[in-house]
């Protein structure tokens, strides 16, 4: 791992708004009502103050005909990009346990 991820992934907020809410002309309040959550949860997602949970991913998937993994992957890619681009120097100091593609076996373990 020796380089930053170049392009920032499209934020969940932008995908939710542009690809799902806008075409259906949904307000945060309407979306919240359709999936049975309080409006501030949707508003938090749209303003990048909240993160998607497995529960919310299932609700969005059920409403929009996607999969829960679709929503969770968007969140994961964004979080991974943030961490990799903010802590890359820390990770570069970690040495791999692999040498010449042969995994070094830990000592003291019995099978």
C-alpha atoms as a PDB file:
ATOM      1  CA  UNK A   1       0.000   0.000   0.000  1.00  0.00           C
ATOM      2  CA  UNK A   2       2.017   2.916  -1.223  1.00  0.00           C
ATOM      3  CA  UNK A   3      -0.304   5.381  -2.828  1.00  0.00           C
ATOM      4  CA  UNK A   4      -3.386   7.369  -2.089  1.00  0.00           C
ATOM      5  CA  UNK A   5      -6.664   6.518  -3.736  1.00  0.00           C
ATOM      6  CA  UNK A   6      -6.851   9.213  -6.407  1.00  0.00           C
ATOM      7  CA  UNK A   7     -10.508   9.969  -6.967  1.00  0.00           C
ATOM      8  CA  UNK A   8     -12.879  10.581  -4.080  1.00  0.00           C
ATOM      9  CA  UNK A   9     -15.895   8.264  -4.387  1.00  0.00           C
ATOM     10  CA  UNK A  10     -19.249   9.880  -5.029  1.00  0.00           C
ATOM     11  CA  UNK A  11     -20.774  10.611  -1.617  1.00  0.00           C
ATOM     12  CA  UNK A  12     -23.818   8.689  -0.452  1.00  0.00           C
ATOM     13  CA  UNK A  13     -25.653  11.999  -0.071  1.00  0.00           C
ATOM     14  CA  UNK A  14     -25.209  12.824  -3.755  1.00  0.00           C
ATOM     15  CA  UNK A  15     -26.251   9.361  -4.945  1.00  0.00           C
ATOM     16  CA  UNK A  16     -29.295   9.300  -2.679  1.00  0.00           C
ATOM     17  CA  UNK A  17     -30.422  12.755  -3.781  1.00  0.00           C
ATOM     18  CA  UNK A  18     -29.547  12.742  -7.499  1.00  0.00           C
ATOM     19  CA  UNK A  19     -30.284   9.131  -8.393  1.00  0.00           C
ATOM     20  CA  UNK A  20     -33.163   8.258  -6.097  1.00  0.00           C
ATOM     21  CA  UNK A  21     -34.926  11.156  -4.394  1.00  0.00           C
ATOM     22  CA  UNK A  22     -34.872  13.691  -7.208  1.00  0.00           C
ATOM     23  CA  UNK A  23     -36.327  11.395  -9.912  1.00  0.00           C
ATOM     24  CA  UNK A  24     -39.202  10.477  -7.587  1.00  0.00           C
ATOM     25  CA  UNK A  25     -39.520  14.067  -6.339  1.00  0.00           C
ATOM     26  CA  UNK A  26     -39.151  12.902  -2.743  1.00  0.00           C
ATOM     27  CA  UNK A  27     -38.519  15.264   0.137  1.00  0.00           C
ATOM     28  CA  UNK A  28     -36.608  13.999   3.174  1.00  0.00           C
ATOM     29  CA  UNK A  29     -39.901  13.922   5.069  1.00  0.00           C
ATOM     30  CA  UNK A  30     -41.637  11.868   2.372  1.00  0.00           C
ATOM     31  CA  UNK A  31     -38.751   9.411   2.122  1.00  0.00           C
ATOM     32  CA  UNK A  32     -38.641   9.040   5.903  1.00  0.00           C
ATOM     33  CA  UNK A  33     -42.356   8.285   5.990  1.00  0.00           C
ATOM     34  CA  UNK A  34     -42.098   5.728   3.182  1.00  0.00           C
ATOM     35  CA  UNK A  35     -39.396   3.736   4.957  1.00  0.00           C
ATOM     36  CA  UNK A  36     -40.609   4.273   8.525  1.00  0.00           C
ATOM     37  CA  UNK A  37     -37.849   6.413  10.032  1.00  0.00           C
ATOM     38  CA  UNK A  38     -37.678   9.906  11.477  1.00  0.00           C
ATOM     39  CA  UNK A  39     -36.870  12.678   8.959  1.00  0.00           C
ATOM     40  CA  UNK A  40     -33.686  13.805  10.680  1.00  0.00           C
ATOM     41  CA  UNK A  41     -32.039  10.482   9.748  1.00  0.00           C
ATOM     42  CA  UNK A  42     -32.562  11.255   6.057  1.00  0.00           C
ATOM     43  CA  UNK A  43     -31.484  14.878   6.527  1.00  0.00           C
ATOM     44  CA  UNK A  44     -28.296  13.688   8.265  1.00  0.00           C
ATOM     45  CA  UNK A  45     -27.485  11.436   5.318  1.00  0.00           C
ATOM     46  CA  UNK A  46     -28.132  14.231   2.827  1.00  0.00           C
ATOM     47  CA  UNK A  47     -25.829  16.627   4.691  1.00  0.00           C
ATOM     48  CA  UNK A  48     -23.061  14.055   5.240  1.00  0.00           C
ATOM     49  CA  UNK A  49     -23.574  14.109   9.009  1.00  0.00           C
ATOM     50  CA  UNK A  50     -24.854  10.553   9.233  1.00  0.00           C
ATOM     51  CA  UNK A  51     -23.801   7.145   8.012  1.00  0.00           C
ATOM     52  CA  UNK A  52     -25.886   4.390   6.569  1.00  0.00           C
ATOM     53  CA  UNK A  53     -26.616   1.465   8.858  1.00  0.00           C
ATOM     54  CA  UNK A  54     -27.521  -2.071   7.788  1.00  0.00           C
ATOM     55  CA  UNK A  55     -31.099  -1.309   8.890  1.00  0.00           C
ATOM     56  CA  UNK A  56     -31.270   1.793   6.701  1.00  0.00           C
ATOM     57  CA  UNK A  57     -29.638  -0.075   3.808  1.00  0.00           C
ATOM     58  CA  UNK A  58     -32.371  -2.719   3.960  1.00  0.00           C
ATOM     59  CA  UNK A  59     -35.064  -0.030   4.046  1.00  0.00           C
ATOM     60  CA  UNK A  60     -33.593   1.791   1.017  1.00  0.00           C
ATOM     61  CA  UNK A  61     -33.115  -1.493  -0.852  1.00  0.00           C
ATOM     62  CA  UNK A  62     -36.735  -2.472  -0.227  1.00  0.00           C
ATOM     63  CA  UNK A  63     -38.054   0.886  -1.412  1.00  0.00           C
ATOM     64  CA  UNK A  64     -35.796   1.491  -4.397  1.00  0.00           C
ATOM     65  CA  UNK A  65     -35.372  -2.082  -5.655  1.00  0.00           C
ATOM     66  CA  UNK A  66     -31.647  -2.252  -4.970  1.00  0.00           C
ATOM     67  CA  UNK A  67     -29.671  -4.432  -2.577  1.00  0.00           C
ATOM     68  CA  UNK A  68     -28.574  -3.574   0.959  1.00  0.00           C
ATOM     69  CA  UNK A  69     -24.998  -4.183  -0.203  1.00  0.00           C
ATOM     70  CA  UNK A  70     -25.367  -1.425  -2.791  1.00  0.00           C
ATOM     71  CA  UNK A  71     -25.929   1.137  -0.041  1.00  0.00           C
ATOM     72  CA  UNK A  72     -23.367  -0.273   2.380  1.00  0.00           C
ATOM     73  CA  UNK A  73     -20.703  -0.402  -0.344  1.00  0.00           C
ATOM     74  CA  UNK A  74     -21.201   3.277  -1.104  1.00  0.00           C
ATOM     75  CA  UNK A  75     -20.612   4.063   2.568  1.00  0.00           C
ATOM     76  CA  UNK A  76     -17.631   1.704   2.832  1.00  0.00           C
ATOM     77  CA  UNK A  77     -15.893   3.132  -0.242  1.00  0.00           C
ATOM     78  CA  UNK A  78     -16.258   6.661   1.108  1.00  0.00           C
ATOM     79  CA  UNK A  79     -14.923   5.713   4.557  1.00  0.00           C
ATOM     80  CA  UNK A  80     -12.029   3.727   3.080  1.00  0.00           C
ATOM     81  CA  UNK A  81     -11.049   6.652   0.848  1.00  0.00           C
ATOM     82  CA  UNK A  82     -11.081   9.037   3.815  1.00  0.00           C
ATOM     83  CA  UNK A  83      -8.916   6.790   5.984  1.00  0.00           C
ATOM     84  CA  UNK A  84      -6.463   5.869   3.236  1.00  0.00           C
ATOM     85  CA  UNK A  85      -5.969   9.474   2.230  1.00  0.00           C
ATOM     86  CA  UNK A  86      -5.621  10.783   5.765  1.00  0.00           C
ATOM     87  CA  UNK A  87      -3.443   8.049   7.268  1.00  0.00           C
ATOM     88  CA  UNK A  88      -1.406   6.712   4.346  1.00  0.00           C
ATOM     89  CA  UNK A  89       1.903   7.567   6.045  1.00  0.00           C
ATOM     90  CA  UNK A  90       0.946   5.469   9.091  1.00  0.00           C
ATOM     91  CA  UNK A  91       0.130   2.449   6.965  1.00  0.00           C
ATOM     92  CA  UNK A  92       3.371   2.658   4.987  1.00  0.00           C
ATOM     93  CA  UNK A  93       5.316   1.777   8.145  1.00  0.00           C
ATOM     94  CA  UNK A  94       3.550  -1.569   8.548  1.00  0.00           C
ATOM     95  CA  UNK A  95       5.686  -4.425   7.232  1.00  0.00           C
ATOM     96  CA  UNK A  96       4.025  -7.335   5.462  1.00  0.00           C
ATOM     97  CA  UNK A  97       4.332 -10.810   6.943  1.00  0.00           C
ATOM     98  CA  UNK A  98       4.806 -12.202   3.452  1.00  0.00           C
ATOM     99  CA  UNK A  99       8.254 -12.766   1.969  1.00  0.00           C
ATOM    100  CA  UNK A 100       8.634 -13.888  -1.633  1.00  0.00           C
ATOM    101  CA  UNK A 101       4.938 -14.780  -1.692  1.00  0.00           C
ATOM    102  CA  UNK A 102       5.423 -17.353   1.084  1.00  0.00           C
ATOM    103  CA  UNK A 103       3.475 -16.608   4.243  1.00  0.00           C
ATOM    104  CA  UNK A 104       5.591 -16.747   7.378  1.00  0.00           C
ATOM    105  CA  UNK A 105       4.071 -19.244   9.773  1.00  0.00           C
ATOM    106  CA  UNK A 106       3.481 -18.006  13.332  1.00  0.00           C
ATOM    107  CA  UNK A 107       5.381 -19.946  15.973  1.00  0.00           C
ATOM    108  CA  UNK A 108       3.849 -21.691  18.936  1.00  0.00           C
ATOM    109  CA  UNK A 109       0.638 -22.721  17.190  1.00  0.00           C
ATOM    110  CA  UNK A 110      -0.329 -26.370  17.096  1.00  0.00           C
ATOM    111  CA  UNK A 111      -3.008 -27.970  15.024  1.00  0.00           C
END
